[in-house]
Amino acid sequence: MNYLKLSIYTLLFAVLLVSCKQHEEARRPISRSSGSFMKKSADRNKKLVASEEDVIKKIIKSNPKVKYYATRKGYWLSYDEKNLTDTQTPKKGDIAYFNLEIKDIEGKIIYSEAELGPQTYYVDKQDIMMGLRDGIKLMHKNETVTFLFPSHIAYGYHGDNKKIGTNESLICTVTLRNFVPDPAVAPTSTATSATTGTTAAAIKTTTAQPTKPAVKKPVTETKKDSVKP
């Protein structure tokens, strides 16, 4: 009887072991397939970026009279109108007012300045094209700049679901008319400053001044009337 039980347990263990092994073997191809897909996708994106950059570099080379500057973010810019007087540039929280024209990489207008109208942008607080988000912070007031944006910092794979297509490089011309601090934030700092000043004045006023020690006046003895006998 014991021998029979041992045989049954051994058989069950063997079946369980084979089943687990087959399950593990069945999952391996999925992992390999997933890794292969990711690698192919990364290679495809690299080739796409390289191809777009080659096109942009050819455009730059074909316009030797125009000075283009490469940026660390992977796009290029040139100045149509440059402001050499002002040194301030928009920072996070400022409100930027600008005009914008968007062309495809061949120079055909996609959105005209008139069609888009005046633009208002809360710097780093609104969701806009990645390239413009960075580029506007490089501009000075009253400057006009032309940007050459590869698709990965423009509208990418999805486009804008209107006129801009998939993986489309763009030429954007921006005129930064003005930028100012957010008025919703400025009064707070002013009020804080005023409160601080008032508090300081109050402290100064209420500070106890050192008092001089009181000087006692000498006591004059009162003379008693003398009665003669």
Protein backbone atom coordinates (compact mmCIF):
# COMPACT_ATOMS: atom_id res chain seq x y z
CA MET A 1 0.00 0.00 0.00
CA ASN A 2 2.77 2.41 0.93
CA TYR A 3 4.52 1.62 -2.34
CA LEU A 4 1.31 2.46 -4.25
CA LYS A 5 0.92 5.81 -2.49
CA LEU A 6 4.56 6.68 -3.16
CA SER A 7 4.10 5.86 -6.85
CA ILE A 8 1.01 8.05 -7.08
CA TYR A 9 2.74 11.02 -5.38
CA THR A 10 5.77 10.63 -7.63
CA LEU A 11 3.56 10.61 -10.73
CA LEU A 12 1.66 13.74 -9.62
CA PHE A 13 4.89 15.58 -8.88
CA ALA A 14 6.28 14.69 -12.32
CA VAL A 15 3.10 15.92 -14.06
CA LEU A 16 3.20 19.19 -12.09
CA LEU A 17 6.88 19.78 -12.92
CA VAL A 18 6.35 19.18 -16.64
CA SER A 19 3.32 21.48 -16.65
CA CYS A 20 5.28 24.34 -15.02
CA LYS A 21 8.17 23.90 -17.42
CA GLN A 22 5.87 24.00 -20.44
CA HIS A 23 4.20 27.15 -19.08
CA GLU A 24 7.55 28.89 -18.68
CA GLU A 25 8.66 27.85 -22.15
CA ALA A 26 5.41 29.18 -23.60
CA ARG A 27 6.01 32.65 -22.09
CA ARG A 28 9.55 33.14 -23.36
CA PRO A 29 8.68 33.99 -26.97
CA ILE A 30 6.33 36.77 -25.76
CA SER A 31 9.15 38.44 -23.82
CA ARG A 32 11.54 38.11 -26.70
CA SER A 33 8.94 39.43 -29.12
CA SER A 34 8.25 42.46 -26.88
CA GLY A 35 11.95 43.31 -26.58
CA SER A 36 12.40 42.95 -30.32
CA PHE A 37 9.46 45.26 -30.98
CA MET A 38 10.82 47.96 -28.65
CA LYS A 39 14.24 47.79 -30.29
CA LYS A 40 12.74 48.07 -33.77
CA SER A 41 10.61 51.01 -32.64
CA ALA A 42 13.62 52.83 -31.16
CA ASP A 43 15.67 52.23 -34.32
CA ARG A 44 12.81 53.51 -36.46
CA ASN A 45 12.52 56.70 -34.38
CA LYS A 46 16.27 57.32 -34.60
CA LYS A 47 16.16 56.98 -38.38
CA LEU A 48 13.17 59.33 -38.56
CA VAL A 49 14.90 62.00 -36.47
CA ALA A 50 18.10 61.68 -38.52
CA SER A 51 16.13 61.95 -41.76
CA GLU A 52 14.28 65.09 -40.63
CA GLU A 53 17.50 66.70 -39.41
CA ASP A 54 19.14 66.02 -42.78
CA VAL A 55 16.28 67.84 -44.53
CA ILE A 56 16.57 70.80 -42.15
CA LYS A 57 20.34 70.98 -42.60
CA LYS A 58 19.88 71.07 -46.37
CA ILE A 59 17.49 74.00 -45.98
CA ILE A 60 20.03 75.83 -43.82
CA LYS A 61 22.80 75.11 -46.30
CA SER A 62 20.70 76.37 -49.19
CA ASN A 63 20.27 79.76 -47.45
CA PRO A 64 23.84 80.88 -46.69
CA LYS A 65 22.76 84.50 -46.18
CA VAL A 66 20.59 83.51 -43.21
CA LYS A 67 22.38 82.77 -39.93
CA TYR A 68 20.83 79.81 -38.11
CA TYR A 69 21.66 78.83 -34.55
CA ALA A 70 21.42 75.24 -33.28
CA THR A 71 19.88 74.78 -29.83
CA ARG A 72 20.41 72.12 -27.17
CA LYS A 73 16.80 70.99 -27.59
CA GLY A 74 17.39 69.84 -31.17
CA TYR A 75 15.91 72.69 -33.23
CA TRP A 76 17.30 75.69 -35.11
CA LEU A 77 16.44 79.39 -35.12
CA SER A 78 17.24 82.55 -37.05
CA TYR A 79 16.48 86.21 -36.25
CA ASP A 80 14.31 88.21 -38.63
CA GLU A 81 14.19 91.12 -36.16
CA LYS A 82 16.62 91.19 -33.23
CA ASN A 83 16.36 93.32 -30.10
CA LEU A 84 19.86 94.25 -28.89
CA THR A 85 18.63 96.61 -26.17
CA ASP A 86 16.54 94.52 -23.81
CA THR A 87 18.08 91.71 -21.80
CA GLN A 88 14.97 90.25 -20.16
CA THR A 89 13.34 87.09 -21.52
CA PRO A 90 10.05 85.45 -20.49
CA LYS A 91 10.18 83.26 -17.40
CA LYS A 92 7.79 80.79 -15.80
CA GLY A 93 4.51 82.43 -14.84
CA ASP A 94 4.84 85.42 -17.20
CA ILE A 95 2.15 86.12 -19.77
CA ALA A 96 3.58 86.26 -23.31
CA TYR A 97 1.77 87.98 -26.17
CA PHE A 98 2.90 86.92 -29.62
CA ASN A 99 1.97 86.39 -33.26
CA LEU A 100 2.56 83.06 -35.01
CA GLU A 101 2.75 81.68 -38.53
CA ILE A 102 3.23 77.97 -39.23
CA LYS A 103 4.57 76.48 -42.47
CA ASP A 104 5.52 72.99 -43.57
CA ILE A 105 9.19 72.22 -44.11
CA GLU A 106 8.90 73.20 -47.79
CA GLY A 107 7.67 76.68 -46.87
CA LYS A 108 3.97 76.24 -47.62
CA ILE A 109 1.72 78.05 -45.15
CA ILE A 110 -0.36 75.75 -42.95
CA TYR A 111 -1.68 78.40 -40.53
CA SER A 112 -1.28 82.09 -41.38
CA GLU A 113 -0.75 84.77 -38.76
CA ALA A 114 -4.16 86.24 -39.61
CA GLU A 115 -5.86 82.86 -39.24
CA LEU A 116 -4.32 82.15 -35.83
CA GLY A 117 -4.76 85.69 -34.53
CA PRO A 118 -2.94 87.18 -31.51
CA GLN A 119 -1.65 84.49 -29.15
CA THR A 120 -1.57 84.62 -25.34
CA TYR A 121 0.55 82.13 -23.45
CA TYR A 122 1.14 81.62 -19.72
CA VAL A 123 4.80 80.58 -19.80
CA ASP A 124 5.37 76.97 -18.69
CA LYS A 125 1.79 76.78 -17.42
CA GLN A 126 -0.01 75.92 -20.65
CA ASP A 127 0.21 72.91 -22.92
CA ILE A 128 1.58 74.11 -26.28
CA MET A 129 3.99 72.75 -28.88
CA MET A 130 7.18 71.66 -27.11
CA GLY A 131 9.42 73.64 -29.46
CA LEU A 132 7.49 76.89 -28.93
CA ARG A 133 7.40 76.28 -25.18
CA ASP A 134 11.20 76.40 -25.14
CA GLY A 135 11.78 78.86 -27.99
CA ILE A 136 9.67 81.69 -26.57
CA LYS A 137 11.82 81.72 -23.42
CA LEU A 138 14.85 82.56 -25.61
CA MET A 139 13.26 85.66 -27.13
CA HIS A 140 13.36 89.32 -26.18
CA LYS A 141 10.49 91.75 -26.51
CA ASN A 142 9.73 92.92 -30.09
CA GLU A 143 11.87 90.21 -31.69
CA THR A 144 10.80 88.10 -34.68
CA VAL A 145 12.36 84.65 -34.86
CA THR A 146 11.99 81.79 -37.35
CA PHE A 147 12.24 78.31 -35.82
CA LEU A 148 12.91 75.03 -37.64
CA PHE A 149 11.28 72.28 -35.57
CA PRO A 150 11.68 68.52 -36.21
CA SER A 151 8.44 66.63 -35.67
CA HIS A 152 9.47 65.15 -32.30
CA ILE A 153 9.35 68.62 -30.69
CA ALA A 154 6.45 69.82 -32.84
CA TYR A 155 3.27 67.71 -33.02
CA GLY A 156 4.93 64.30 -33.32
CA TYR A 157 3.24 61.19 -34.57
CA HIS A 158 -0.34 62.40 -34.07
CA GLY A 159 -0.10 65.83 -35.70
CA ASP A 160 -2.66 68.37 -34.52
CA ASN A 161 -5.61 66.34 -35.84
CA LYS A 162 -6.40 69.21 -38.23
CA LYS A 163 -3.94 70.50 -40.82
CA ILE A 164 -0.63 69.21 -39.45
CA GLY A 165 0.07 65.63 -40.40
CA THR A 166 1.98 62.72 -38.92
CA ASN A 167 5.70 63.24 -38.19
CA GLU A 168 5.76 66.65 -39.87
CA SER A 169 8.66 69.07 -39.41
CA LEU A 170 7.56 72.71 -39.18
CA ILE A 171 8.79 76.23 -39.84
CA CYS A 172 7.34 78.61 -37.23
CA THR A 173 7.76 82.39 -37.32
CA VAL A 174 7.11 84.09 -33.97
CA THR A 175 6.92 87.79 -33.10
CA LEU A 176 7.04 88.36 -29.35
CA ARG A 177 5.11 91.60 -28.89
CA ASN A 178 5.31 91.76 -25.11
CA PHE A 179 5.46 89.77 -21.89
CA VAL A 180 4.42 90.78 -18.39
CA PRO A 181 4.21 89.19 -14.93
CA ASP A 182 0.95 87.44 -14.15
CA PRO A 183 -1.22 90.14 -12.46
CA ALA A 184 -2.84 87.45 -10.33
CA VAL A 185 0.54 86.81 -8.71
CA ALA A 186 2.01 90.35 -8.55
CA PRO A 187 -0.46 91.88 -6.00
CA THR A 188 0.32 89.10 -3.55
CA SER A 189 4.01 89.97 -3.46
CA THR A 190 3.18 93.71 -3.25
CA ALA A 191 0.77 93.13 -0.36
CA THR A 192 3.35 91.00 1.39
CA SER A 193 5.94 93.76 1.01
CA ALA A 194 3.52 96.39 2.32
CA THR A 195 2.57 94.22 5.27
CA THR A 196 6.22 93.65 6.07
CA GLY A 197 6.89 97.41 5.95
CA THR A 198 3.91 98.18 8.19
CA THR A 199 4.95 95.54 10.68
CA ALA A 200 8.49 96.90 10.79
CA ALA A 201 7.18 100.42 11.38
CA ALA A 202 4.91 99.19 14.16
CA ILE A 203 7.78 97.40 15.83
CA LYS A 204 9.93 100.51 15.59
CA THR A 205 7.17 102.68 17.08
CA THR A 206 6.38 100.37 19.96
CA THR A 207 9.99 99.75 20.93
CA ALA A 208 10.41 101.02 24.48
CA GLN A 209 12.75 103.96 24.75
CA PRO A 210 15.25 103.85 27.63
CA THR A 211 13.98 105.98 30.53
CA LYS A 212 16.19 108.22 32.59
CA PRO A 213 16.35 107.47 36.34
CA ALA A 214 14.19 109.81 38.40
CA VAL A 215 16.10 112.33 40.44
CA LYS A 216 14.73 112.85 43.90
CA LYS A 217 14.43 116.42 45.00
CA PRO A 218 15.92 117.23 48.40
CA VAL A 219 13.31 117.41 51.13
CA THR A 220 13.07 120.84 52.69
CA GLU A 221 12.49 120.73 56.44
CA THR A 222 9.55 122.80 57.64
CA LYS A 223 10.54 125.27 60.37
CA LYS A 224 8.31 125.28 63.41
CA ASP A 225 7.05 128.67 64.75
CA SER A 226 8.78 129.64 67.96
CA VAL A 227 6.64 131.28 70.72
CA LYS A 228 8.38 133.72 72.98
CA PRO A 229 7.50 133.61 76.76
